[in-house]
Amino acid sequence: MRFAPSLSLKSIRGVHQSDTEVSKIMRSMDVIPDVIHIGPQEFLNVTYHGHLAAHCGKVLEPMQVRDEPSVKWPSAPENYYALLMVDPDVPNAITPTHREFLHWMVLNIPSNLLSLGDVRVGYMGATPLKGTGTHRFVFLLYKQRDYTKFDFPKLPKHSVKGRSGFETKRFAKKYKFGHPVAGNFFTSQWSPHVPSLIKAISHNARQVAHF
């Protein structure tokens, strides 16, 4: 297994001379090549509850990331963007047979106005199962060529169905995104709160199905 959660970010291995700072860190934690081939140019500003930064693999508790974060980036008004959040370590980093799990997808975001984008896959927080070790949760921002018609089903935030087996590289290639323009990631592990978080997701999913 290449991914080593305990790896110090100061001991960057396999660094390429052309790597940006965010790319170096992603490469050190095997986000490159597990999720993407080439890293982004900039850090994506991802913040939970106004003060918890999802930055450079920082460890966050599942309860801390249960709600949708604030995501910010510099942008020109004429551009459209796609935002993805994935977990490549499903069910675990050693045997990721269900890589990747898609936690969030917002498409056709005008400029940096995330609230005006098409939420194709509703946000689902981190719920790593007990005994599965550390998981990486990766945010990637892609610049679209223009406003785009996407052939991807709409998945509500409480639905698990259709999220496993997503492949960022294939999706980006299909829609000719090029390399991500910004990105970031955090790590998380099972905590005693996970069972209640999963129960809440299941409960809300049943309520949605009922109506």
C-alpha atoms as a PDB file:
ATOM      1  CA  MET A   1       0.000   0.000   0.000  1.00  0.00           C
ATOM      2  CA  ARG A   2       1.400   3.355  -1.031  1.00  0.00           C
ATOM      3  CA  PHE A   3      -0.932   5.577   0.969  1.00  0.00           C
ATOM      4  CA  ALA A   4       0.590   6.172   4.413  1.00  0.00           C
ATOM      5  CA  PRO A   5      -1.622   8.349   6.641  1.00  0.00           C
ATOM      6  CA  SER A   6       1.143   8.824   9.200  1.00  0.00           C
ATOM      7  CA  LEU A   7       3.542  10.252   6.617  1.00  0.00           C
ATOM      8  CA  SER A   8       4.918  13.639   7.615  1.00  0.00           C
ATOM      9  CA  LEU A   9       4.036  16.311   5.103  1.00  0.00           C
ATOM     10  CA  LYS A  10       7.605  17.556   5.411  1.00  0.00           C
ATOM     11  CA  SER A  11       8.979  14.354   3.903  1.00  0.00           C
ATOM     12  CA  ILE A  12       7.593  14.704   0.416  1.00  0.00           C
ATOM     13  CA  ARG A  13       8.498  11.711  -1.694  1.00  0.00           C
ATOM     14  CA  GLY A  14       8.260  11.338  -5.421  1.00  0.00           C
ATOM     15  CA  VAL A  15       8.156  15.099  -5.898  1.00  0.00           C
ATOM     16  CA  HIS A  16       8.229  16.398  -9.462  1.00  0.00           C
ATOM     17  CA  GLN A  17      10.123  19.615 -10.083  1.00  0.00           C
ATOM     18  CA  SER A  18       7.092  21.189 -11.761  1.00  0.00           C
ATOM     19  CA  ASP A  19       4.710  20.323  -8.918  1.00  0.00           C
ATOM     20  CA  THR A  20       2.817  23.127  -7.223  1.00  0.00           C
ATOM     21  CA  GLU A  21       2.648  23.146  -3.421  1.00  0.00           C
ATOM     22  CA  VAL A  22      -0.776  21.530  -3.398  1.00  0.00           C
ATOM     23  CA  SER A  23       0.413  18.918  -5.905  1.00  0.00           C
ATOM     24  CA  LYS A  24       3.408  18.040  -3.738  1.00  0.00           C
ATOM     25  CA  ILE A  25       1.178  17.396  -0.752  1.00  0.00           C
ATOM     26  CA  MET A  26      -1.334  15.434  -2.811  1.00  0.00           C
ATOM     27  CA  ARG A  27       1.469  13.321  -4.244  1.00  0.00           C
ATOM     28  CA  SER A  28       2.871  12.660  -0.770  1.00  0.00           C
ATOM     29  CA  MET A  29      -0.500  11.225   0.291  1.00  0.00           C
ATOM     30  CA  ASP A  30      -1.083   9.397  -3.014  1.00  0.00           C
ATOM     31  CA  VAL A  31      -4.061  11.491  -4.041  1.00  0.00           C
ATOM     32  CA  ILE A  32      -1.825  11.605  -7.094  1.00  0.00           C
ATOM     33  CA  PRO A  33      -2.110   9.061  -8.733  1.00  0.00           C
ATOM     34  CA  ASP A  34      -5.053   7.422  -6.902  1.00  0.00           C
ATOM     35  CA  VAL A  35      -7.569  10.114  -7.865  1.00  0.00           C
ATOM     36  CA  ILE A  36      -5.870  12.372 -10.429  1.00  0.00           C
ATOM     37  CA  HIS A  37      -2.805  12.192 -12.679  1.00  0.00           C
ATOM     38  CA  ILE A  38      -1.699  15.820 -12.384  1.00  0.00           C
ATOM     39  CA  GLY A  39      -2.353  18.109  -9.441  1.00  0.00           C
ATOM     40  CA  PRO A  40      -4.087  21.470  -9.359  1.00  0.00           C
ATOM     41  CA  GLN A  41      -2.412  24.864  -9.491  1.00  0.00           C
ATOM     42  CA  GLU A  42      -4.023  26.287  -6.370  1.00  0.00           C
ATOM     43  CA  PHE A  43      -5.389  25.292  -2.992  1.00  0.00           C
ATOM     44  CA  LEU A  44      -9.175  25.214  -2.806  1.00  0.00           C
ATOM     45  CA  ASN A  45     -10.494  27.072   0.235  1.00  0.00           C
ATOM     46  CA  VAL A  46     -12.759  24.569   2.028  1.00  0.00           C
ATOM     47  CA  THR A  47     -14.082  25.508   5.471  1.00  0.00           C
ATOM     48  CA  TYR A  48     -16.523  23.813   7.831  1.00  0.00           C
ATOM     49  CA  HIS A  49     -18.544  25.837  10.348  1.00  0.00           C
ATOM     50  CA  GLY A  50     -16.639  28.979   9.430  1.00  0.00           C
ATOM     51  CA  HIS A  51     -13.344  27.982  11.038  1.00  0.00           C
ATOM     52  CA  LEU A  52     -12.425  24.315  10.398  1.00  0.00           C
ATOM     53  CA  ALA A  53     -10.226  24.187   7.306  1.00  0.00           C
ATOM     54  CA  ALA A  54     -10.118  21.020   5.210  1.00  0.00           C
ATOM     55  CA  HIS A  55      -6.510  21.600   4.258  1.00  0.00           C
ATOM     56  CA  CYS A  56      -3.463  19.500   3.382  1.00  0.00           C
ATOM     57  CA  GLY A  57      -4.797  16.244   4.784  1.00  0.00           C
ATOM     58  CA  LYS A  58      -5.747  17.676   8.172  1.00  0.00           C
ATOM     59  CA  VAL A  59      -7.594  15.172  10.366  1.00  0.00           C
ATOM     60  CA  LEU A  60     -11.234  16.103  10.908  1.00  0.00           C
ATOM     61  CA  GLU A  61     -13.856  14.203  12.887  1.00  0.00           C
ATOM     62  CA  PRO A  62     -16.904  12.812  11.037  1.00  0.00           C
ATOM     63  CA  MET A  63     -19.186  14.936  13.225  1.00  0.00           C
ATOM     64  CA  GLN A  64     -17.250  18.058  12.211  1.00  0.00           C
ATOM     65  CA  VAL A  65     -17.881  17.478   8.499  1.00  0.00           C
ATOM     66  CA  ARG A  66     -21.487  16.289   8.544  1.00  0.00           C
ATOM     67  CA  ASP A  67     -22.732  19.577   7.062  1.00  0.00           C
ATOM     68  CA  GLU A  68     -21.867  21.071   3.694  1.00  0.00           C
ATOM     69  CA  PRO A  69     -18.736  23.258   3.822  1.00  0.00           C
ATOM     70  CA  SER A  70     -18.066  26.693   2.439  1.00  0.00           C
ATOM     71  CA  VAL A  71     -15.930  26.467  -0.719  1.00  0.00           C
ATOM     72  CA  LYS A  72     -14.267  29.514  -2.252  1.00  0.00           C
ATOM     73  CA  TRP A  73     -11.963  30.210  -5.179  1.00  0.00           C
ATOM     74  CA  PRO A  74     -10.949  33.178  -7.383  1.00  0.00           C
ATOM     75  CA  SER A  75     -12.765  33.267 -10.701  1.00  0.00           C
ATOM     76  CA  ALA A  76     -13.646  35.319 -13.746  1.00  0.00           C
ATOM     77  CA  PRO A  77     -17.399  35.989 -14.150  1.00  0.00           C
ATOM     78  CA  GLU A  78     -17.631  34.276 -17.539  1.00  0.00           C
ATOM     79  CA  ASN A  79     -16.306  30.890 -16.356  1.00  0.00           C
ATOM     80  CA  TYR A  80     -18.213  27.758 -15.334  1.00  0.00           C
ATOM     81  CA  TYR A  81     -16.849  25.215 -12.880  1.00  0.00           C
ATOM     82  CA  ALA A  82     -17.455  21.682 -11.625  1.00  0.00           C
ATOM     83  CA  LEU A  83     -16.806  20.726  -7.993  1.00  0.00           C
ATOM     84  CA  LEU A  84     -16.235  17.138  -6.869  1.00  0.00           C
ATOM     85  CA  MET A  85     -15.650  15.544  -3.466  1.00  0.00           C
ATOM     86  CA  VAL A  86     -14.579  11.894  -3.392  1.00  0.00           C
ATOM     87  CA  ASP A  87     -13.254   9.236  -1.018  1.00  0.00           C
ATOM     88  CA  PRO A  88     -10.821   6.869  -2.791  1.00  0.00           C
ATOM     89  CA  ASP A  89     -10.424   4.616   0.269  1.00  0.00           C
ATOM     90  CA  VAL A  90     -13.625   2.577   0.133  1.00  0.00           C
ATOM     91  CA  PRO A  91     -14.007   0.288   1.913  1.00  0.00           C
ATOM     92  CA  ASN A  92     -10.393   0.909   3.016  1.00  0.00           C
ATOM     93  CA  ALA A  93      -7.059   2.112   1.637  1.00  0.00           C
ATOM     94  CA  ILE A  94      -5.574  -1.397   1.445  1.00  0.00           C
ATOM     95  CA  THR A  95      -8.317  -2.915  -0.712  1.00  0.00           C
ATOM     96  CA  PRO A  96     -10.267  -0.001  -2.221  1.00  0.00           C
ATOM     97  CA  THR A  97     -12.607  -2.216  -4.234  1.00  0.00           C
ATOM     98  CA  HIS A  98     -15.350   0.448  -4.352  1.00  0.00           C
ATOM     99  CA  ARG A  99     -13.070   3.382  -5.227  1.00  0.00           C
ATOM    100  CA  GLU A 100     -14.190   6.157  -5.476  1.00  0.00           C
ATOM    101  CA  PHE A 101     -17.198   7.061  -3.315  1.00  0.00           C
ATOM    102  CA  LEU A 102     -18.748  10.275  -4.600  1.00  0.00           C
ATOM    103  CA  HIS A 103     -19.655  12.549  -1.689  1.00  0.00           C
ATOM    104  CA  TRP A 104     -20.617  15.693  -3.584  1.00  0.00           C
ATOM    105  CA  MET A 105     -20.944  16.992  -7.131  1.00  0.00           C
ATOM    106  CA  VAL A 106     -21.924  20.503  -8.185  1.00  0.00           C
ATOM    107  CA  LEU A 107     -21.849  21.314 -11.900  1.00  0.00           C
ATOM    108  CA  ASN A 108     -22.187  24.417 -14.072  1.00  0.00           C
ATOM    109  CA  ILE A 109     -21.184  26.739 -11.234  1.00  0.00           C
ATOM    110  CA  PRO A 110     -21.149  30.292 -12.637  1.00  0.00           C
ATOM    111  CA  SER A 111     -17.940  32.063 -11.599  1.00  0.00           C
ATOM    112  CA  ASN A 112     -17.482  31.262  -7.890  1.00  0.00           C
ATOM    113  CA  LEU A 113     -21.186  31.308  -7.007  1.00  0.00           C
ATOM    114  CA  LEU A 114     -21.480  27.794  -5.617  1.00  0.00           C
ATOM    115  CA  SER A 115     -25.090  28.290  -4.529  1.00  0.00           C
ATOM    116  CA  LEU A 116     -26.114  28.856  -8.166  1.00  0.00           C
ATOM    117  CA  GLY A 117     -24.569  25.616  -9.436  1.00  0.00           C
ATOM    118  CA  ASP A 118     -26.405  22.417 -10.353  1.00  0.00           C
ATOM    119  CA  VAL A 119     -26.164  20.141  -7.297  1.00  0.00           C
ATOM    120  CA  ARG A 120     -26.114  16.860  -9.190  1.00  0.00           C
ATOM    121  CA  VAL A 121     -25.061  14.794  -6.153  1.00  0.00           C
ATOM    122  CA  GLY A 122     -26.085  16.091  -2.746  1.00  0.00           C
ATOM    123  CA  TYR A 123     -23.464  16.520  -0.053  1.00  0.00           C
ATOM    124  CA  MET A 124     -22.808  13.531   2.213  1.00  0.00           C
ATOM    125  CA  GLY A 125     -20.296  13.830   5.041  1.00  0.00           C
ATOM    126  CA  ALA A 126     -17.597  11.376   6.075  1.00  0.00           C
ATOM    127  CA  THR A 127     -18.782   8.138   7.708  1.00  0.00           C
ATOM    128  CA  PRO A 128     -15.765   5.776   7.676  1.00  0.00           C
ATOM    129  CA  LEU A 129     -16.690   2.334   8.974  1.00  0.00           C
ATOM    130  CA  LYS A 130     -15.011   0.892  12.045  1.00  0.00           C
ATOM    131  CA  GLY A 131     -11.737  -0.891  11.324  1.00  0.00           C
ATOM    132  CA  THR A 132     -11.243   0.677   7.883  1.00  0.00           C
ATOM    133  CA  GLY A 133      -8.456   3.027   8.937  1.00  0.00           C
ATOM    134  CA  THR A 134      -7.826   6.504   7.604  1.00  0.00           C
ATOM    135  CA  HIS A 135      -9.780   7.789   4.604  1.00  0.00           C
ATOM    136  CA  ARG A 136      -8.855  10.689   2.328  1.00  0.00           C
ATOM    137  CA  PHE A 137     -11.638  13.073   1.319  1.00  0.00           C
ATOM    138  CA  VAL A 138     -10.606  14.980  -1.776  1.00  0.00           C
ATOM    139  CA  PHE A 139     -12.107  18.196  -3.160  1.00  0.00           C
ATOM    140  CA  LEU A 140     -11.355  19.058  -6.788  1.00  0.00           C
ATOM    141  CA  LEU A 141     -12.437  22.056  -8.824  1.00  0.00           C
ATOM    142  CA  TYR A 142     -12.442  21.867 -12.623  1.00  0.00           C
ATOM    143  CA  LYS A 143     -12.952  24.667 -15.096  1.00  0.00           C
ATOM    144  CA  GLN A 144     -15.541  23.666 -17.683  1.00  0.00           C
ATOM    145  CA  ARG A 145     -15.165  24.592 -21.328  1.00  0.00           C
ATOM    146  CA  ASP A 146     -18.571  26.279 -21.138  1.00  0.00           C
ATOM    147  CA  TYR A 147     -22.034  25.653 -19.756  1.00  0.00           C
ATOM    148  CA  THR A 148     -22.366  21.904 -20.254  1.00  0.00           C
ATOM    149  CA  LYS A 149     -25.150  19.328 -20.522  1.00  0.00           C
ATOM    150  CA  PHE A 150     -24.047  16.484 -18.236  1.00  0.00           C
ATOM    151  CA  ASP A 151     -25.225  12.915 -18.592  1.00  0.00           C
ATOM    152  CA  PHE A 152     -25.153  12.043 -14.894  1.00  0.00           C
ATOM    153  CA  PRO A 153     -28.089  11.111 -12.645  1.00  0.00           C
ATOM    154  CA  LYS A 154     -29.264  13.431  -9.910  1.00  0.00           C
ATOM    155  CA  LEU A 155     -28.655  11.866  -6.490  1.00  0.00           C
ATOM    156  CA  PRO A 156     -30.210  13.349  -3.335  1.00  0.00           C
ATOM    157  CA  LYS A 157     -27.992  14.057  -0.343  1.00  0.00           C
ATOM    158  CA  HIS A 158     -29.327  11.138   1.720  1.00  0.00           C
ATOM    159  CA  SER A 159     -29.050   8.535  -1.040  1.00  0.00           C
ATOM    160  CA  VAL A 160     -26.070   6.159  -1.009  1.00  0.00           C
ATOM    161  CA  LYS A 161     -27.115   4.446  -4.235  1.00  0.00           C
ATOM    162  CA  GLY A 162     -25.063   5.339  -7.301  1.00  0.00           C
ATOM    163  CA  ARG A 163     -22.116   6.871  -5.455  1.00  0.00           C
ATOM    164  CA  SER A 164     -19.656   3.946  -5.348  1.00  0.00           C
ATOM    165  CA  GLY A 165     -17.325   3.196  -8.231  1.00  0.00           C
ATOM    166  CA  PHE A 166     -17.101   6.779  -9.454  1.00  0.00           C
ATOM    167  CA  GLU A 167     -13.883   7.631 -11.300  1.00  0.00           C
ATOM    168  CA  THR A 168     -12.741  11.237 -11.304  1.00  0.00           C
ATOM    169  CA  LYS A 169     -10.203  10.696 -14.082  1.00  0.00           C
ATOM    170  CA  ARG A 170     -12.795   9.181 -16.420  1.00  0.00           C
ATOM    171  CA  PHE A 171     -15.395  11.845 -15.644  1.00  0.00           C
ATOM    172  CA  ALA A 172     -12.905  14.660 -16.267  1.00  0.00           C
ATOM    173  CA  LYS A 173     -11.778  13.061 -19.534  1.00  0.00           C
ATOM    174  CA  LYS A 174     -15.345  12.523 -20.762  1.00  0.00           C
ATOM    175  CA  TYR A 175     -16.182  16.198 -20.394  1.00  0.00           C
ATOM    176  CA  LYS A 176     -12.760  17.476 -21.484  1.00  0.00           C
ATOM    177  CA  PHE A 177     -12.077  19.296 -18.221  1.00  0.00           C
ATOM    178  CA  GLY A 178      -8.318  19.123 -18.387  1.00  0.00           C
ATOM    179  CA  HIS A 179      -6.467  19.197 -15.073  1.00  0.00           C
ATOM    180  CA  PRO A 180      -8.119  20.494 -11.891  1.00  0.00           C
ATOM    181  CA  VAL A 181      -7.549  24.187 -11.286  1.00  0.00           C
ATOM    182  CA  ALA A 182      -7.817  23.920  -7.496  1.00  0.00           C
ATOM    183  CA  GLY A 183      -8.049  21.224  -4.857  1.00  0.00           C
ATOM    184  CA  ASN A 184      -7.624  20.241  -1.246  1.00  0.00           C
ATOM    185  CA  PHE A 185      -8.340  17.326   1.063  1.00  0.00           C
ATOM    186  CA  PHE A 186      -8.790  16.202   4.639  1.00  0.00           C
ATOM    187  CA  THR A 187      -8.514  12.825   6.327  1.00  0.00           C
ATOM    188  CA  SER A 188     -10.860  11.147   8.756  1.00  0.00           C
ATOM    189  CA  GLN A 189     -11.394   7.900  10.650  1.00  0.00           C
ATOM    190  CA  TRP A 190     -14.226   6.095  12.376  1.00  0.00           C
ATOM    191  CA  SER A 191     -15.448   7.713  15.581  1.00  0.00           C
ATOM    192  CA  PRO A 192     -18.206   6.785  18.044  1.00  0.00           C
ATOM    193  CA  HIS A 193     -20.448   9.327  16.262  1.00  0.00           C
ATOM    194  CA  VAL A 194     -20.407   7.420  12.960  1.00  0.00           C
ATOM    195  CA  PRO A 195     -23.271   4.989  13.779  1.00  0.00           C
ATOM    196  CA  SER A 196     -25.595   7.892  14.618  1.00  0.00           C
ATOM    197  CA  LEU A 197     -24.546   9.752  11.459  1.00  0.00           C
ATOM    198  CA  ILE A 198     -25.281   6.692   9.315  1.00  0.00           C
ATOM    199  CA  LYS A 199     -28.601   6.205  11.100  1.00  0.00           C
ATOM    200  CA  ALA A 200     -29.562   9.816  10.367  1.00  0.00           C
ATOM    201  CA  ILE A 201     -28.711   9.382   6.676  1.00  0.00           C
ATOM    202  CA  SER A 202     -30.821   6.205   6.486  1.00  0.00           C
ATOM    203  CA  HIS A 203     -33.723   7.841   8.336  1.00  0.00           C
ATOM    204  CA  ASN A 204     -33.741  10.859   6.039  1.00  0.00           C
ATOM    205  CA  ALA A 205     -33.490   8.624   2.970  1.00  0.00           C
ATOM    206  CA  ARG A 206     -36.623   6.733   4.089  1.00  0.00           C
ATOM    207  CA  GLN A 207     -38.468   9.989   4.659  1.00  0.00           C
ATOM    208  CA  VAL A 208     -37.584  11.232   1.173  1.00  0.00           C
ATOM    209  CA  ALA A 209     -38.683   7.907  -0.348  1.00  0.00           C
ATOM    210  CA  HIS A 210     -41.983   8.088   1.572  1.00  0.00           C
ATOM    211  CA  PHE A 211     -42.835  11.476   0.116  1.00  0.00           C
END
